[in-house]
Amino acid sequence: MVIANSVAYEGIDLQRRTCMIHHIDLPWTPADLQQRNGRAVRQGNKQRVVMVENSPSS
């Protein structure tokens, strides 16, 4: 499990074994989602499927 704030959006290398991404913070922008999802959905990930869930906490 990795919990990261906006400071950690860049430079984290998570592509090897990520199986699920939860987006729980607000607000989301398309660029934020693309950046986060791209950290796991890439060549080198050993998982065949990466699930993405958008569940905002209010």
C-alpha atoms as a PDB file:
ATOM      1  CA  MET A   1       0.000   0.000   0.000  1.00  0.00           C
ATOM      2  CA  VAL A   2       1.269   3.437  -0.923  1.00  0.00           C
ATOM      3  CA  ILE A   3      -0.353   6.654   0.226  1.00  0.00           C
ATOM      4  CA  ALA A   4       0.955   9.751  -1.502  1.00  0.00           C
ATOM      5  CA  ASN A   5       0.138  13.420  -1.607  1.00  0.00           C
ATOM      6  CA  SER A   6       0.721  15.897  -4.432  1.00  0.00           C
ATOM      7  CA  VAL A   7       4.427  16.109  -3.601  1.00  0.00           C
ATOM      8  CA  ALA A   8       4.868  12.413  -4.395  1.00  0.00           C
ATOM      9  CA  TYR A   9       3.026  12.448  -7.731  1.00  0.00           C
ATOM     10  CA  GLU A  10       6.316  12.625  -9.605  1.00  0.00           C
ATOM     11  CA  GLY A  11       9.232  10.305  -9.157  1.00  0.00           C
ATOM     12  CA  ILE A  12       7.492   7.260  -7.673  1.00  0.00           C
ATOM     13  CA  ASP A  13       8.191   4.046  -9.545  1.00  0.00           C
ATOM     14  CA  LEU A  14       5.267   1.667  -8.995  1.00  0.00           C
ATOM     15  CA  GLN A  15       4.988  -0.237 -12.243  1.00  0.00           C
ATOM     16  CA  ARG A  16       6.363  -3.642 -11.201  1.00  0.00           C
ATOM     17  CA  ARG A  17       3.580  -5.113  -9.028  1.00  0.00           C
ATOM     18  CA  THR A  18       0.721  -2.626  -8.849  1.00  0.00           C
ATOM     19  CA  CYS A  19      -2.643  -4.393  -9.119  1.00  0.00           C
ATOM     20  CA  MET A  20      -5.106  -1.678  -8.036  1.00  0.00           C
ATOM     21  CA  ILE A  21      -5.246   2.095  -7.848  1.00  0.00           C
ATOM     22  CA  HIS A  22      -7.705   3.970  -5.623  1.00  0.00           C
ATOM     23  CA  HIS A  23      -8.277   7.665  -6.271  1.00  0.00           C
ATOM     24  CA  ILE A  24      -9.741   8.979  -3.009  1.00  0.00           C
ATOM     25  CA  ASP A  25      -8.817  12.641  -2.958  1.00  0.00           C
ATOM     26  CA  LEU A  26     -10.563  15.618  -4.535  1.00  0.00           C
ATOM     27  CA  PRO A  27     -10.390  17.473  -6.853  1.00  0.00           C
ATOM     28  CA  TRP A  28      -9.355  15.300  -9.761  1.00  0.00           C
ATOM     29  CA  THR A  29      -8.174  16.633 -13.054  1.00  0.00           C
ATOM     30  CA  PRO A  30      -7.721  14.504 -16.169  1.00  0.00           C
ATOM     31  CA  ALA A  31      -3.971  15.150 -15.998  1.00  0.00           C
ATOM     32  CA  ASP A  32      -3.824  13.916 -12.372  1.00  0.00           C
ATOM     33  CA  LEU A  33      -5.628  10.691 -13.229  1.00  0.00           C
ATOM     34  CA  GLN A  34      -3.506  10.075 -16.300  1.00  0.00           C
ATOM     35  CA  GLN A  35      -0.310  10.636 -14.313  1.00  0.00           C
ATOM     36  CA  ARG A  36      -1.362   8.326 -11.463  1.00  0.00           C
ATOM     37  CA  ASN A  37      -2.696   5.559 -13.678  1.00  0.00           C
ATOM     38  CA  GLY A  38       0.377   5.754 -15.868  1.00  0.00           C
ATOM     39  CA  ARG A  39       2.550   4.861 -12.885  1.00  0.00           C
ATOM     40  CA  ALA A  40       1.076   1.345 -12.878  1.00  0.00           C
ATOM     41  CA  VAL A  41      -0.281   0.719 -16.370  1.00  0.00           C
ATOM     42  CA  ARG A  42       2.996   0.413 -18.235  1.00  0.00           C
ATOM     43  CA  GLN A  43       5.493  -2.031 -19.622  1.00  0.00           C
ATOM     44  CA  GLY A  44       7.244  -3.961 -16.878  1.00  0.00           C
ATOM     45  CA  ASN A  45       4.233  -4.476 -14.615  1.00  0.00           C
ATOM     46  CA  LYS A  46       4.026  -8.139 -13.640  1.00  0.00           C
ATOM     47  CA  GLN A  47       0.255  -7.883 -13.108  1.00  0.00           C
ATOM     48  CA  ARG A  48      -1.900  -8.583 -16.155  1.00  0.00           C
ATOM     49  CA  VAL A  49      -4.763  -6.375 -14.981  1.00  0.00           C
ATOM     50  CA  VAL A  50      -4.625  -3.106 -13.041  1.00  0.00           C
ATOM     51  CA  MET A  51      -7.974  -2.097 -11.562  1.00  0.00           C
ATOM     52  CA  VAL A  52      -8.715   1.606 -11.097  1.00  0.00           C
ATOM     53  CA  GLU A  53     -11.338   2.814  -8.613  1.00  0.00           C
ATOM     54  CA  ASN A  54     -12.546   6.371  -8.188  1.00  0.00           C
ATOM     55  CA  SER A  55     -14.042   6.697  -4.707  1.00  0.00           C
ATOM     56  CA  PRO A  56     -13.866  10.242  -3.378  1.00  0.00           C
ATOM     57  CA  SER A  57     -13.900  10.864   0.327  1.00  0.00           C
ATOM     58  CA  SER A  58     -15.818  13.916   1.420  1.00  0.00           C
END
